[in-house]
Amino acid sequence: MIKNFLFAVFSQVINILLIFNCNADTFNQPEKNANIQFIKSRAILPNHTSHGPSVINSAYIENTAQIFGHFTAEDAFFNKLIVYGFLNISNSQIKEAYIYGSAKINNSNFINKLTVFGTMIAKHSTFKNISTNAKKIFIEDSKIENLEVIADADPSIPQILYLDKKVNIGSIEFKSGKGIIISSSRDINLDQIKIIGAVVKENYL
């Protein structure tokens, strides 16, 4: 009876020590436990698919990249990019992209079409055609040929486009007919932009 009791106590002590050791290792090595997939060093791939958080740095994807999860890309080229999750991209070139989630874009060039189903933030970038259903779109110091804002399923919440610094846009169309454009820079010539389905508000500081 005493031996069984001592054995049980000893087993519990060992389990507690193992738990503390595992927790310490988990907090000390978050990158390892996050199972983030990395592609670096000027890799050239015909296609790429990843599940979970992933990072592509200095890579060339010849055909299609499909990402299921949080995705960060820098100094990369994509012929076709499909992301089911959050996109954070910078210093990259993309021919065609479909983002089923929010997108943060910096210093990048979207050659053909970009479609975003979520909030969009773009800085120092160029676009040909953008289509999005975002409630909020932030554009700063960028050039866009055509921007189309698709009507959202919930019309009670207005869709707002924020423009800041020097922005050059050919045309803006809100399909709902109830869009709001807020311009925060005197460098933006709103008279040269073809605007359909939105009211314009100037918010100069």
C-alpha atoms as a PDB file:
ATOM      1  CA  MET A   1       0.000   0.000   0.000  1.00  0.00           C
ATOM      2  CA  ILE A   2       2.790   2.438   0.983  1.00  0.00           C
ATOM      3  CA  LYS A   3       4.835   1.417  -2.070  1.00  0.00           C
ATOM      4  CA  ASN A   4       1.890   2.114  -4.365  1.00  0.00           C
ATOM      5  CA  PHE A   5       1.333   5.501  -2.732  1.00  0.00           C
ATOM      6  CA  LEU A   6       5.021   6.462  -3.066  1.00  0.00           C
ATOM      7  CA  PHE A   7       5.049   5.318  -6.687  1.00  0.00           C
ATOM      8  CA  ALA A   8       1.977   7.461  -7.461  1.00  0.00           C
ATOM      9  CA  VAL A   9       3.550  10.523  -5.814  1.00  0.00           C
ATOM     10  CA  PHE A  10       6.806   9.956  -7.708  1.00  0.00           C
ATOM     11  CA  SER A  11       4.901   9.672 -10.999  1.00  0.00           C
ATOM     12  CA  GLN A  12       3.072  12.943 -10.368  1.00  0.00           C
ATOM     13  CA  VAL A  13       6.362  14.735  -9.616  1.00  0.00           C
ATOM     14  CA  ILE A  14       7.867  13.458 -12.885  1.00  0.00           C
ATOM     15  CA  ASN A  15       4.781  14.596 -14.836  1.00  0.00           C
ATOM     16  CA  ILE A  16       4.939  18.080 -13.294  1.00  0.00           C
ATOM     17  CA  LEU A  17       8.628  18.398 -14.187  1.00  0.00           C
ATOM     18  CA  LEU A  18       7.915  17.325 -17.756  1.00  0.00           C
ATOM     19  CA  ILE A  19       5.099  19.864 -18.055  1.00  0.00           C
ATOM     20  CA  PHE A  20       7.309  22.715 -16.824  1.00  0.00           C
ATOM     21  CA  ASN A  21      10.126  21.695 -19.174  1.00  0.00           C
ATOM     22  CA  CYS A  22       7.751  21.587 -22.162  1.00  0.00           C
ATOM     23  CA  ASN A  23       6.256  24.975 -21.340  1.00  0.00           C
ATOM     24  CA  ALA A  24       9.685  26.556 -21.011  1.00  0.00           C
ATOM     25  CA  ASP A  25      10.716  25.163 -24.378  1.00  0.00           C
ATOM     26  CA  THR A  26       7.489  26.389 -25.939  1.00  0.00           C
ATOM     27  CA  PHE A  27       7.952  29.976 -24.751  1.00  0.00           C
ATOM     28  CA  ASN A  28      11.652  30.044 -25.623  1.00  0.00           C
ATOM     29  CA  GLN A  29      11.127  28.789 -29.196  1.00  0.00           C
ATOM     30  CA  PRO A  30       7.859  30.254 -30.530  1.00  0.00           C
ATOM     31  CA  GLU A  31       9.010  30.152 -34.147  1.00  0.00           C
ATOM     32  CA  LYS A  32       9.707  26.442 -34.018  1.00  0.00           C
ATOM     33  CA  ASN A  33       6.362  25.618 -32.461  1.00  0.00           C
ATOM     34  CA  ALA A  34       4.420  27.850 -34.850  1.00  0.00           C
ATOM     35  CA  ASN A  35       5.368  25.520 -37.738  1.00  0.00           C
ATOM     36  CA  ILE A  36       5.966  28.445 -40.065  1.00  0.00           C
ATOM     37  CA  GLN A  37       7.018  27.424 -43.564  1.00  0.00           C
ATOM     38  CA  PHE A  38       9.925  29.434 -45.013  1.00  0.00           C
ATOM     39  CA  ILE A  39      11.084  29.741 -48.618  1.00  0.00           C
ATOM     40  CA  LYS A  40      14.213  31.857 -49.139  1.00  0.00           C
ATOM     41  CA  SER A  41      17.410  32.261 -51.152  1.00  0.00           C
ATOM     42  CA  ARG A  42      16.134  33.078 -54.638  1.00  0.00           C
ATOM     43  CA  ALA A  43      14.142  29.889 -55.017  1.00  0.00           C
ATOM     44  CA  ILE A  44      12.434  29.313 -58.381  1.00  0.00           C
ATOM     45  CA  LEU A  45       9.343  27.117 -58.153  1.00  0.00           C
ATOM     46  CA  PRO A  46       6.759  26.110 -60.785  1.00  0.00           C
ATOM     47  CA  ASN A  47       3.989  26.070 -58.138  1.00  0.00           C
ATOM     48  CA  HIS A  48       3.694  26.389 -54.387  1.00  0.00           C
ATOM     49  CA  THR A  49       1.068  25.337 -51.817  1.00  0.00           C
ATOM     50  CA  SER A  50       1.281  25.813 -48.063  1.00  0.00           C
ATOM     51  CA  HIS A  51      -1.075  25.132 -45.156  1.00  0.00           C
ATOM     52  CA  GLY A  52      -0.643  27.295 -42.090  1.00  0.00           C
ATOM     53  CA  PRO A  53       1.573  30.354 -41.546  1.00  0.00           C
ATOM     54  CA  SER A  54       4.187  30.771 -44.268  1.00  0.00           C
ATOM     55  CA  VAL A  55       6.863  33.207 -45.430  1.00  0.00           C
ATOM     56  CA  ILE A  56       8.339  33.638 -48.895  1.00  0.00           C
ATOM     57  CA  ASN A  57      11.427  35.809 -49.196  1.00  0.00           C
ATOM     58  CA  SER A  58      13.312  36.296 -52.468  1.00  0.00           C
ATOM     59  CA  ALA A  59      11.473  33.673 -54.513  1.00  0.00           C
ATOM     60  CA  TYR A  60       9.974  33.343 -57.984  1.00  0.00           C
ATOM     61  CA  ILE A  61       6.739  31.369 -58.429  1.00  0.00           C
ATOM     62  CA  GLU A  62       6.283  30.638 -62.128  1.00  0.00           C
ATOM     63  CA  ASN A  63       2.634  29.557 -62.086  1.00  0.00           C
ATOM     64  CA  THR A  64       0.344  29.457 -59.032  1.00  0.00           C
ATOM     65  CA  ALA A  65       0.905  29.894 -55.309  1.00  0.00           C
ATOM     66  CA  GLN A  66      -1.930  28.806 -52.982  1.00  0.00           C
ATOM     67  CA  ILE A  67      -1.649  29.770 -49.328  1.00  0.00           C
ATOM     68  CA  PHE A  68      -4.050  28.536 -46.642  1.00  0.00           C
ATOM     69  CA  GLY A  69      -3.247  30.741 -43.653  1.00  0.00           C
ATOM     70  CA  HIS A  70      -1.311  33.871 -42.669  1.00  0.00           C
ATOM     71  CA  PHE A  71       1.123  34.748 -45.467  1.00  0.00           C
ATOM     72  CA  THR A  72       4.090  37.110 -45.573  1.00  0.00           C
ATOM     73  CA  ALA A  73       5.988  37.755 -48.804  1.00  0.00           C
ATOM     74  CA  GLU A  74       8.934  40.025 -49.584  1.00  0.00           C
ATOM     75  CA  ASP A  75      11.035  40.513 -52.702  1.00  0.00           C
ATOM     76  CA  ALA A  76       9.023  37.879 -54.582  1.00  0.00           C
ATOM     77  CA  PHE A  77       7.320  37.331 -57.928  1.00  0.00           C
ATOM     78  CA  PHE A  78       3.980  35.559 -58.392  1.00  0.00           C
ATOM     79  CA  ASN A  79       2.295  34.792 -61.672  1.00  0.00           C
ATOM     80  CA  LYS A  80      -0.901  33.934 -59.770  1.00  0.00           C
ATOM     81  CA  LEU A  81      -1.358  34.244 -56.016  1.00  0.00           C
ATOM     82  CA  ILE A  82      -4.323  32.873 -54.044  1.00  0.00           C
ATOM     83  CA  VAL A  83      -4.415  33.455 -50.279  1.00  0.00           C
ATOM     84  CA  TYR A  84      -7.066  32.143 -47.889  1.00  0.00           C
ATOM     85  CA  GLY A  85      -6.093  34.288 -44.918  1.00  0.00           C
ATOM     86  CA  PHE A  86      -4.190  37.484 -44.133  1.00  0.00           C
ATOM     87  CA  LEU A  87      -1.663  38.774 -46.685  1.00  0.00           C
ATOM     88  CA  ASN A  88       1.320  40.963 -45.793  1.00  0.00           C
ATOM     89  CA  ILE A  89       3.367  41.640 -48.927  1.00  0.00           C
ATOM     90  CA  SER A  90       6.151  44.086 -49.780  1.00  0.00           C
ATOM     91  CA  ASN A  91       8.696  44.754 -52.532  1.00  0.00           C
ATOM     92  CA  SER A  92       7.044  42.207 -54.818  1.00  0.00           C
ATOM     93  CA  GLN A  93       5.502  41.818 -58.260  1.00  0.00           C
ATOM     94  CA  ILE A  94       2.244  39.975 -58.810  1.00  0.00           C
ATOM     95  CA  LYS A  95       0.435  39.422 -62.083  1.00  0.00           C
ATOM     96  CA  GLU A  96      -2.885  38.230 -60.637  1.00  0.00           C
ATOM     97  CA  ALA A  97      -4.042  37.794 -57.034  1.00  0.00           C
ATOM     98  CA  TYR A  98      -7.132  36.679 -55.099  1.00  0.00           C
ATOM     99  CA  ILE A  99      -7.086  37.374 -51.364  1.00  0.00           C
ATOM    100  CA  TYR A 100      -9.847  35.826 -49.233  1.00  0.00           C
ATOM    101  CA  GLY A 101      -8.997  37.881 -46.176  1.00  0.00           C
ATOM    102  CA  SER A 102      -7.385  41.221 -45.347  1.00  0.00           C
ATOM    103  CA  ALA A 103      -4.369  42.520 -47.252  1.00  0.00           C
ATOM    104  CA  LYS A 104      -1.503  44.816 -46.268  1.00  0.00           C
ATOM    105  CA  ILE A 105       0.497  45.872 -49.322  1.00  0.00           C
ATOM    106  CA  ASN A 106       3.671  47.954 -49.454  1.00  0.00           C
ATOM    107  CA  ASN A 107       5.949  48.952 -52.324  1.00  0.00           C
ATOM    108  CA  SER A 108       4.574  46.309 -54.689  1.00  0.00           C
ATOM    109  CA  ASN A 109       3.318  46.124 -58.267  1.00  0.00           C
ATOM    110  CA  PHE A 110       0.114  44.291 -59.207  1.00  0.00           C
ATOM    111  CA  ILE A 111       0.373  43.977 -62.967  1.00  0.00           C
ATOM    112  CA  ASN A 112      -3.107  42.746 -63.921  1.00  0.00           C
ATOM    113  CA  LYS A 113      -5.872  42.153 -61.369  1.00  0.00           C
ATOM    114  CA  LEU A 114      -6.139  42.144 -57.593  1.00  0.00           C
ATOM    115  CA  THR A 115      -9.284  40.915 -55.821  1.00  0.00           C
ATOM    116  CA  VAL A 116      -9.557  41.332 -52.039  1.00  0.00           C
ATOM    117  CA  PHE A 117     -12.391  40.031 -49.858  1.00  0.00           C
ATOM    118  CA  GLY A 118     -11.464  41.928 -46.711  1.00  0.00           C
ATOM    119  CA  THR A 119      -9.923  45.157 -45.427  1.00  0.00           C
ATOM    120  CA  MET A 120      -7.183  46.519 -47.668  1.00  0.00           C
ATOM    121  CA  ILE A 121      -4.216  48.758 -46.851  1.00  0.00           C
ATOM    122  CA  ALA A 122      -1.888  49.798 -49.684  1.00  0.00           C
ATOM    123  CA  LYS A 123       1.150  52.105 -49.602  1.00  0.00           C
ATOM    124  CA  HIS A 124       3.714  53.067 -52.251  1.00  0.00           C
ATOM    125  CA  SER A 125       2.314  50.550 -54.745  1.00  0.00           C
ATOM    126  CA  THR A 126       0.910  50.376 -58.272  1.00  0.00           C
ATOM    127  CA  PHE A 127      -2.205  48.551 -59.463  1.00  0.00           C
ATOM    128  CA  LYS A 128      -4.036  48.058 -62.717  1.00  0.00           C
ATOM    129  CA  ASN A 129      -7.443  46.723 -61.621  1.00  0.00           C
ATOM    130  CA  ILE A 130      -8.614  46.299 -58.027  1.00  0.00           C
ATOM    131  CA  SER A 131     -11.892  44.682 -57.025  1.00  0.00           C
ATOM    132  CA  THR A 132     -12.838  44.486 -53.347  1.00  0.00           C
ATOM    133  CA  ASN A 133     -15.832  44.198 -51.028  1.00  0.00           C
ATOM    134  CA  ALA A 134     -13.970  45.830 -48.128  1.00  0.00           C
ATOM    135  CA  LYS A 135     -15.736  48.031 -45.622  1.00  0.00           C
ATOM    136  CA  LYS A 136     -12.535  50.058 -45.277  1.00  0.00           C
ATOM    137  CA  ILE A 137      -9.873  50.653 -47.917  1.00  0.00           C
ATOM    138  CA  PHE A 138      -6.737  52.674 -47.167  1.00  0.00           C
ATOM    139  CA  ILE A 139      -4.653  53.923 -50.108  1.00  0.00           C
ATOM    140  CA  GLU A 140      -1.521  56.016 -49.590  1.00  0.00           C
ATOM    141  CA  ASP A 141       0.997  57.299 -52.129  1.00  0.00           C
ATOM    142  CA  SER A 142      -0.067  54.781 -54.789  1.00  0.00           C
ATOM    143  CA  LYS A 143      -1.244  54.581 -58.391  1.00  0.00           C
ATOM    144  CA  ILE A 144      -4.394  52.698 -59.474  1.00  0.00           C
ATOM    145  CA  GLU A 145      -5.944  52.544 -62.921  1.00  0.00           C
ATOM    146  CA  ASN A 146      -9.365  51.213 -61.863  1.00  0.00           C
ATOM    147  CA  LEU A 147     -10.842  50.541 -58.424  1.00  0.00           C
ATOM    148  CA  GLU A 148     -14.154  48.688 -58.110  1.00  0.00           C
ATOM    149  CA  VAL A 149     -15.829  48.354 -54.714  1.00  0.00           C
ATOM    150  CA  ILE A 150     -18.307  45.475 -54.732  1.00  0.00           C
ATOM    151  CA  ALA A 151     -21.487  45.877 -52.689  1.00  0.00           C
ATOM    152  CA  ASP A 152     -21.205  44.069 -49.360  1.00  0.00           C
ATOM    153  CA  ALA A 153     -23.844  41.668 -48.037  1.00  0.00           C
ATOM    154  CA  ASP A 154     -24.621  44.106 -45.186  1.00  0.00           C
ATOM    155  CA  PRO A 155     -25.609  47.463 -46.737  1.00  0.00           C
ATOM    156  CA  SER A 156     -26.160  49.093 -43.320  1.00  0.00           C
ATOM    157  CA  ILE A 157     -22.401  49.565 -42.839  1.00  0.00           C
ATOM    158  CA  PRO A 158     -20.928  52.106 -45.287  1.00  0.00           C
ATOM    159  CA  GLN A 159     -17.924  51.250 -47.426  1.00  0.00           C
ATOM    160  CA  ILE A 160     -15.234  53.899 -47.027  1.00  0.00           C
ATOM    161  CA  LEU A 161     -12.176  54.645 -49.145  1.00  0.00           C
ATOM    162  CA  TYR A 162      -9.436  56.641 -47.397  1.00  0.00           C
ATOM    163  CA  LEU A 163      -6.938  58.460 -49.629  1.00  0.00           C
ATOM    164  CA  ASP A 164      -3.758  59.997 -48.253  1.00  0.00           C
ATOM    165  CA  LYS A 165      -0.647  61.703 -49.624  1.00  0.00           C
ATOM    166  CA  LYS A 166      -0.135  61.534 -53.375  1.00  0.00           C
ATOM    167  CA  VAL A 167      -2.652  59.110 -54.916  1.00  0.00           C
ATOM    168  CA  ASN A 168      -3.281  58.778 -58.636  1.00  0.00           C
ATOM    169  CA  ILE A 169      -6.476  56.895 -59.566  1.00  0.00           C
ATOM    170  CA  GLY A 170      -8.146  56.674 -62.970  1.00  0.00           C
ATOM    171  CA  SER A 171     -11.621  55.605 -61.857  1.00  0.00           C
ATOM    172  CA  ILE A 172     -13.455  54.591 -58.680  1.00  0.00           C
ATOM    173  CA  GLU A 173     -16.823  52.855 -58.706  1.00  0.00           C
ATOM    174  CA  PHE A 174     -18.886  51.808 -55.686  1.00  0.00           C
ATOM    175  CA  LYS A 175     -21.404  49.227 -56.892  1.00  0.00           C
ATOM    176  CA  SER A 176     -23.679  49.954 -53.913  1.00  0.00           C
ATOM    177  CA  GLY A 177     -24.046  53.588 -54.918  1.00  0.00           C
ATOM    178  CA  LYS A 178     -23.482  54.527 -51.260  1.00  0.00           C
ATOM    179  CA  GLY A 179     -19.712  54.771 -51.031  1.00  0.00           C
ATOM    180  CA  ILE A 180     -17.747  57.375 -49.104  1.00  0.00           C
ATOM    181  CA  ILE A 181     -14.351  58.722 -50.178  1.00  0.00           C
ATOM    182  CA  ILE A 182     -12.303  60.630 -47.605  1.00  0.00           C
ATOM    183  CA  SER A 183      -9.316  62.545 -48.965  1.00  0.00           C
ATOM    184  CA  SER A 184      -6.702  63.718 -46.453  1.00  0.00           C
ATOM    185  CA  SER A 185      -4.209  65.298 -48.844  1.00  0.00           C
ATOM    186  CA  ARG A 186      -4.239  68.410 -51.003  1.00  0.00           C
ATOM    187  CA  ASP A 187      -1.906  66.600 -53.418  1.00  0.00           C
ATOM    188  CA  ILE A 188      -4.822  64.465 -54.628  1.00  0.00           C
ATOM    189  CA  ASN A 189      -6.645  65.991 -57.589  1.00  0.00           C
ATOM    190  CA  LEU A 190     -10.141  64.602 -57.122  1.00  0.00           C
ATOM    191  CA  ASP A 191     -11.413  66.404 -60.226  1.00  0.00           C
ATOM    192  CA  GLN A 192      -9.252  64.150 -62.396  1.00  0.00           C
ATOM    193  CA  ILE A 193     -10.719  60.947 -60.933  1.00  0.00           C
ATOM    194  CA  LYS A 194     -13.833  59.409 -62.471  1.00  0.00           C
ATOM    195  CA  ILE A 195     -16.020  58.680 -59.425  1.00  0.00           C
ATOM    196  CA  ILE A 196     -19.246  56.647 -59.576  1.00  0.00           C
ATOM    197  CA  GLY A 197     -21.542  55.805 -56.661  1.00  0.00           C
ATOM    198  CA  ALA A 198     -19.781  57.735 -53.901  1.00  0.00           C
ATOM    199  CA  VAL A 199     -19.708  61.055 -52.094  1.00  0.00           C
ATOM    200  CA  VAL A 200     -16.383  62.792 -51.487  1.00  0.00           C
ATOM    201  CA  LYS A 201     -15.315  64.368 -48.204  1.00  0.00           C
ATOM    202  CA  GLU A 202     -12.132  66.377 -47.810  1.00  0.00           C
ATOM    203  CA  ASN A 203     -10.433  66.068 -44.436  1.00  0.00           C
ATOM    204  CA  TYR A 204      -7.351  68.284 -44.543  1.00  0.00           C
ATOM    205  CA  LEU A 205      -5.461  68.879 -41.308  1.00  0.00           C
END
